[in-house]
């Protein structure tokens, strides 16, 4: 989630845009490699859209440091995975500006696949079964989704 805006009447060449990134955006990537990739991407983006704003990227190892930097005015924008946003949304004033789209829809679609020959037609039938899911941040969302489905099934039954 991030936001943007122009500060006062300064020319874009005079503006440094300070963006804080949650380290969880970069699973299985060394922090220094992510930093270099962001800097290259930012310069290319500036070239493509014709601005000369100076991007400054800071990758935060922990969410509290990111919250502190945002609350102290040390960063102008943040980029986080959804679960990180949920964890900090009550501790820092953020307004989602860029959110992922899947086609014309916000968010992602999740599906649960089961073997047809097992006859599973309800979530409750998965109790005590082994489930496989994607690891990393997308896996965390999958677990949250499964917890929500499980809770809904228990509440309905």
C-alpha atoms as a PDB file:
ATOM      1  CA  UNK A   1       0.000   0.000   0.000  1.00  0.00           C
ATOM      2  CA  UNK A   2       1.419   3.340  -0.883  1.00  0.00           C
ATOM      3  CA  UNK A   3       0.426   6.921  -1.489  1.00  0.00           C
ATOM      4  CA  UNK A   4       1.884   9.797  -3.414  1.00  0.00           C
ATOM      5  CA  UNK A   5       1.557  13.508  -3.868  1.00  0.00           C
ATOM      6  CA  UNK A   6       3.497  16.640  -4.713  1.00  0.00           C
ATOM      7  CA  UNK A   7       4.881  18.707  -1.858  1.00  0.00           C
ATOM      8  CA  UNK A   8       4.029  22.396  -2.228  1.00  0.00           C
ATOM      9  CA  UNK A   9       5.230  24.183  -5.352  1.00  0.00           C
ATOM     10  CA  UNK A  10       8.686  22.636  -5.512  1.00  0.00           C
ATOM     11  CA  UNK A  11       9.857  21.529  -8.919  1.00  0.00           C
ATOM     12  CA  UNK A  12       9.930  17.756  -9.237  1.00  0.00           C
ATOM     13  CA  UNK A  13      13.705  17.859  -9.647  1.00  0.00           C
ATOM     14  CA  UNK A  14      13.942  19.188  -6.101  1.00  0.00           C
ATOM     15  CA  UNK A  15      11.760  16.504  -4.520  1.00  0.00           C
ATOM     16  CA  UNK A  16      13.142  13.405  -2.886  1.00  0.00           C
ATOM     17  CA  UNK A  17      10.478  10.753  -2.524  1.00  0.00           C
ATOM     18  CA  UNK A  18      11.311   8.562   0.454  1.00  0.00           C
ATOM     19  CA  UNK A  19       9.707   5.129   0.177  1.00  0.00           C
ATOM     20  CA  UNK A  20       9.794   2.589   2.987  1.00  0.00           C
ATOM     21  CA  UNK A  21       9.562  -1.068   2.023  1.00  0.00           C
ATOM     22  CA  UNK A  22       8.744  -3.970   4.304  1.00  0.00           C
ATOM     23  CA  UNK A  23      11.388  -6.672   4.025  1.00  0.00           C
ATOM     24  CA  UNK A  24       8.607  -9.261   3.742  1.00  0.00           C
ATOM     25  CA  UNK A  25       7.971  -7.959   0.208  1.00  0.00           C
ATOM     26  CA  UNK A  26      11.179  -9.707  -0.800  1.00  0.00           C
ATOM     27  CA  UNK A  27      11.065 -13.321   0.383  1.00  0.00           C
ATOM     28  CA  UNK A  28      14.172 -15.319  -0.480  1.00  0.00           C
ATOM     29  CA  UNK A  29      16.040 -12.190  -1.670  1.00  0.00           C
ATOM     30  CA  UNK A  30      19.037 -10.653   0.025  1.00  0.00           C
ATOM     31  CA  UNK A  31      18.256  -7.196   1.403  1.00  0.00           C
ATOM     32  CA  UNK A  32      21.121  -5.555  -0.539  1.00  0.00           C
ATOM     33  CA  UNK A  33      19.964  -7.165  -3.814  1.00  0.00           C
ATOM     34  CA  UNK A  34      16.422  -5.904  -3.208  1.00  0.00           C
ATOM     35  CA  UNK A  35      17.773  -2.407  -2.479  1.00  0.00           C
ATOM     36  CA  UNK A  36      19.738  -2.321  -5.745  1.00  0.00           C
ATOM     37  CA  UNK A  37      16.770  -3.658  -7.741  1.00  0.00           C
ATOM     38  CA  UNK A  38      14.468  -0.986  -6.272  1.00  0.00           C
ATOM     39  CA  UNK A  39      16.941   1.781  -7.118  1.00  0.00           C
ATOM     40  CA  UNK A  40      17.284   0.592 -10.726  1.00  0.00           C
ATOM     41  CA  UNK A  41      13.491   0.187 -11.082  1.00  0.00           C
ATOM     42  CA  UNK A  42      12.877   3.650  -9.601  1.00  0.00           C
ATOM     43  CA  UNK A  43      15.319   5.321 -12.000  1.00  0.00           C
ATOM     44  CA  UNK A  44      13.743   3.532 -14.960  1.00  0.00           C
ATOM     45  CA  UNK A  45      10.236   4.478 -13.816  1.00  0.00           C
ATOM     46  CA  UNK A  46      11.296   8.120 -13.529  1.00  0.00           C
ATOM     47  CA  UNK A  47      12.749   7.974 -17.039  1.00  0.00           C
ATOM     48  CA  UNK A  48       9.584   6.420 -18.479  1.00  0.00           C
ATOM     49  CA  UNK A  49       7.162   8.900 -16.887  1.00  0.00           C
ATOM     50  CA  UNK A  50       9.440  11.866 -17.457  1.00  0.00           C
ATOM     51  CA  UNK A  51      10.058  13.029 -13.896  1.00  0.00           C
ATOM     52  CA  UNK A  52      13.315  13.923 -12.261  1.00  0.00           C
ATOM     53  CA  UNK A  53      12.235  13.314  -8.686  1.00  0.00           C
ATOM     54  CA  UNK A  54      14.907  11.611  -6.642  1.00  0.00           C
ATOM     55  CA  UNK A  55      13.701   8.308  -5.206  1.00  0.00           C
ATOM     56  CA  UNK A  56      15.168   7.111  -1.913  1.00  0.00           C
ATOM     57  CA  UNK A  57      14.280   3.568  -0.911  1.00  0.00           C
ATOM     58  CA  UNK A  58      14.638   2.233   2.617  1.00  0.00           C
ATOM     59  CA  UNK A  59      13.989  -1.427   3.379  1.00  0.00           C
ATOM     60  CA  UNK A  60      12.886  -2.044   6.952  1.00  0.00           C
ATOM     61  CA  UNK A  61      13.755  -5.304   8.697  1.00  0.00           C
ATOM     62  CA  UNK A  62      10.872  -4.996  11.131  1.00  0.00           C
ATOM     63  CA  UNK A  63       7.463  -3.367  11.040  1.00  0.00           C
ATOM     64  CA  UNK A  64       7.939  -1.275  14.172  1.00  0.00           C
ATOM     65  CA  UNK A  65      10.900   0.519  12.582  1.00  0.00           C
ATOM     66  CA  UNK A  66       8.754   1.224   9.514  1.00  0.00           C
ATOM     67  CA  UNK A  67       5.902   2.509  11.718  1.00  0.00           C
ATOM     68  CA  UNK A  68       8.312   4.747  13.642  1.00  0.00           C
ATOM     69  CA  UNK A  69       9.791   6.167  10.424  1.00  0.00           C
ATOM     70  CA  UNK A  70       6.329   6.878   9.003  1.00  0.00           C
ATOM     71  CA  UNK A  71       5.096   8.501  12.216  1.00  0.00           C
ATOM     72  CA  UNK A  72       8.265  10.625  12.448  1.00  0.00           C
ATOM     73  CA  UNK A  73       7.932  11.865   8.843  1.00  0.00           C
ATOM     74  CA  UNK A  74      11.102  10.072   7.724  1.00  0.00           C
ATOM     75  CA  UNK A  75       9.328   8.366   4.787  1.00  0.00           C
ATOM     76  CA  UNK A  76       6.659   9.640   2.404  1.00  0.00           C
ATOM     77  CA  UNK A  77       5.224   6.354   1.183  1.00  0.00           C
ATOM     78  CA  UNK A  78       5.263   2.725   2.231  1.00  0.00           C
ATOM     79  CA  UNK A  79       5.022  -0.506   0.325  1.00  0.00           C
ATOM     80  CA  UNK A  80       3.858  -3.563   2.249  1.00  0.00           C
ATOM     81  CA  UNK A  81       2.251  -6.925   1.855  1.00  0.00           C
ATOM     82  CA  UNK A  82      -1.382  -7.083   2.933  1.00  0.00           C
ATOM     83  CA  UNK A  83      -0.747  -8.868   6.221  1.00  0.00           C
ATOM     84  CA  UNK A  84       1.847  -6.265   7.228  1.00  0.00           C
ATOM     85  CA  UNK A  85      -0.684  -3.520   6.503  1.00  0.00           C
ATOM     86  CA  UNK A  86      -3.261  -5.273   8.690  1.00  0.00           C
ATOM     87  CA  UNK A  87      -0.711  -5.572  11.507  1.00  0.00           C
ATOM     88  CA  UNK A  88       0.191  -1.854  11.531  1.00  0.00           C
ATOM     89  CA  UNK A  89      -2.887  -0.015  10.236  1.00  0.00           C
ATOM     90  CA  UNK A  90      -3.931   1.091  13.744  1.00  0.00           C
ATOM     91  CA  UNK A  91      -0.446   2.339  14.662  1.00  0.00           C
ATOM     92  CA  UNK A  92       0.234   4.639  11.706  1.00  0.00           C
ATOM     93  CA  UNK A  93      -1.838   6.899   9.509  1.00  0.00           C
ATOM     94  CA  UNK A  94      -1.809   5.263   6.083  1.00  0.00           C
ATOM     95  CA  UNK A  95      -4.175   5.623   3.200  1.00  0.00           C
ATOM     96  CA  UNK A  96      -4.061   2.825   0.628  1.00  0.00           C
ATOM     97  CA  UNK A  97      -3.392   4.328  -2.776  1.00  0.00           C
ATOM     98  CA  UNK A  98      -2.064   1.480  -4.869  1.00  0.00           C
ATOM     99  CA  UNK A  99      -3.588  -1.949  -4.365  1.00  0.00           C
ATOM    100  CA  UNK A 100      -3.092  -5.094  -6.434  1.00  0.00           C
ATOM    101  CA  UNK A 101      -5.588  -5.866  -9.151  1.00  0.00           C
ATOM    102  CA  UNK A 102      -6.400  -9.203 -10.677  1.00  0.00           C
ATOM    103  CA  UNK A 103      -7.987  -8.217 -13.966  1.00  0.00           C
ATOM    104  CA  UNK A 104     -10.638  -5.691 -12.961  1.00  0.00           C
ATOM    105  CA  UNK A 105     -10.929  -7.050  -9.423  1.00  0.00           C
ATOM    106  CA  UNK A 106      -9.083  -5.910  -6.306  1.00  0.00           C
ATOM    107  CA  UNK A 107      -7.243  -8.636  -4.468  1.00  0.00           C
ATOM    108  CA  UNK A 108      -6.643 -12.221  -5.388  1.00  0.00           C
ATOM    109  CA  UNK A 109      -8.786 -15.238  -6.001  1.00  0.00           C
ATOM    110  CA  UNK A 110      -8.072 -18.369  -3.970  1.00  0.00           C
ATOM    111  CA  UNK A 111      -9.190 -21.861  -4.813  1.00  0.00           C
ATOM    112  CA  UNK A 112      -9.067 -25.032  -2.772  1.00  0.00           C
ATOM    113  CA  UNK A 113      -8.457 -28.197  -4.744  1.00  0.00           C
ATOM    114  CA  UNK A 114      -9.339 -31.645  -3.446  1.00  0.00           C
ATOM    115  CA  UNK A 115      -9.207 -35.056  -5.036  1.00  0.00           C
ATOM    116  CA  UNK A 116     -12.519 -35.921  -6.665  1.00  0.00           C
ATOM    117  CA  UNK A 117     -12.302 -39.550  -5.522  1.00  0.00           C
ATOM    118  CA  UNK A 118     -12.250 -38.469  -1.835  1.00  0.00           C
ATOM    119  CA  UNK A 119     -15.800 -37.090  -1.985  1.00  0.00           C
ATOM    120  CA  UNK A 120     -14.948 -33.897  -0.096  1.00  0.00           C
ATOM    121  CA  UNK A 121     -17.634 -31.283  -0.688  1.00  0.00           C
ATOM    122  CA  UNK A 122     -17.501 -29.229   2.538  1.00  0.00           C
ATOM    123  CA  UNK A 123     -14.731 -27.438   4.398  1.00  0.00           C
ATOM    124  CA  UNK A 124     -15.664 -29.304   7.575  1.00  0.00           C
ATOM    125  CA  UNK A 125     -14.638 -32.571   5.875  1.00  0.00           C
ATOM    126  CA  UNK A 126     -11.036 -31.344   5.836  1.00  0.00           C
ATOM    127  CA  UNK A 127     -10.724 -31.657   9.610  1.00  0.00           C
ATOM    128  CA  UNK A 128      -7.554 -33.601  10.522  1.00  0.00           C
ATOM    129  CA  UNK A 129      -6.455 -33.700   6.868  1.00  0.00           C
ATOM    130  CA  UNK A 130      -3.056 -32.568   5.600  1.00  0.00           C
ATOM    131  CA  UNK A 131      -3.111 -29.485   3.397  1.00  0.00           C
ATOM    132  CA  UNK A 132      -0.404 -28.144   1.085  1.00  0.00           C
ATOM    133  CA  UNK A 133      -0.101 -24.430   0.432  1.00  0.00           C
ATOM    134  CA  UNK A 134       2.341 -21.998  -1.110  1.00  0.00           C
ATOM    135  CA  UNK A 135       5.125 -20.822   1.173  1.00  0.00           C
ATOM    136  CA  UNK A 136       6.168 -17.207   1.670  1.00  0.00           C
ATOM    137  CA  UNK A 137       3.878 -14.207   1.916  1.00  0.00           C
ATOM    138  CA  UNK A 138       1.310 -15.657  -0.468  1.00  0.00           C
ATOM    139  CA  UNK A 139       1.203 -18.748   1.736  1.00  0.00           C
ATOM    140  CA  UNK A 140       0.446 -16.567   4.750  1.00  0.00           C
ATOM    141  CA  UNK A 141      -2.565 -15.147   2.922  1.00  0.00           C
ATOM    142  CA  UNK A 142      -3.633 -18.688   2.015  1.00  0.00           C
ATOM    143  CA  UNK A 143      -3.486 -19.722   5.680  1.00  0.00           C
ATOM    144  CA  UNK A 144      -5.554 -16.698   6.699  1.00  0.00           C
ATOM    145  CA  UNK A 145      -8.064 -17.570   3.981  1.00  0.00           C
ATOM    146  CA  UNK A 146      -8.248 -21.181   5.175  1.00  0.00           C
ATOM    147  CA  UNK A 147      -8.696 -20.042   8.787  1.00  0.00           C
ATOM    148  CA  UNK A 148     -11.547 -17.790   7.695  1.00  0.00           C
ATOM    149  CA  UNK A 149     -13.215 -20.614   5.749  1.00  0.00           C
ATOM    150  CA  UNK A 150     -12.767 -22.966   8.679  1.00  0.00           C
ATOM    151  CA  UNK A 151     -14.277 -20.450  11.115  1.00  0.00           C
ATOM    152  CA  UNK A 152     -17.219 -19.845   8.776  1.00  0.00           C
ATOM    153  CA  UNK A 153     -17.823 -23.599   8.454  1.00  0.00           C
ATOM    154  CA  UNK A 154     -17.756 -24.081  12.247  1.00  0.00           C
ATOM    155  CA  UNK A 155     -20.076 -21.101  12.788  1.00  0.00           C
ATOM    156  CA  UNK A 156     -22.579 -22.336  10.203  1.00  0.00           C
ATOM    157  CA  UNK A 157     -22.615 -25.912  11.442  1.00  0.00           C
END
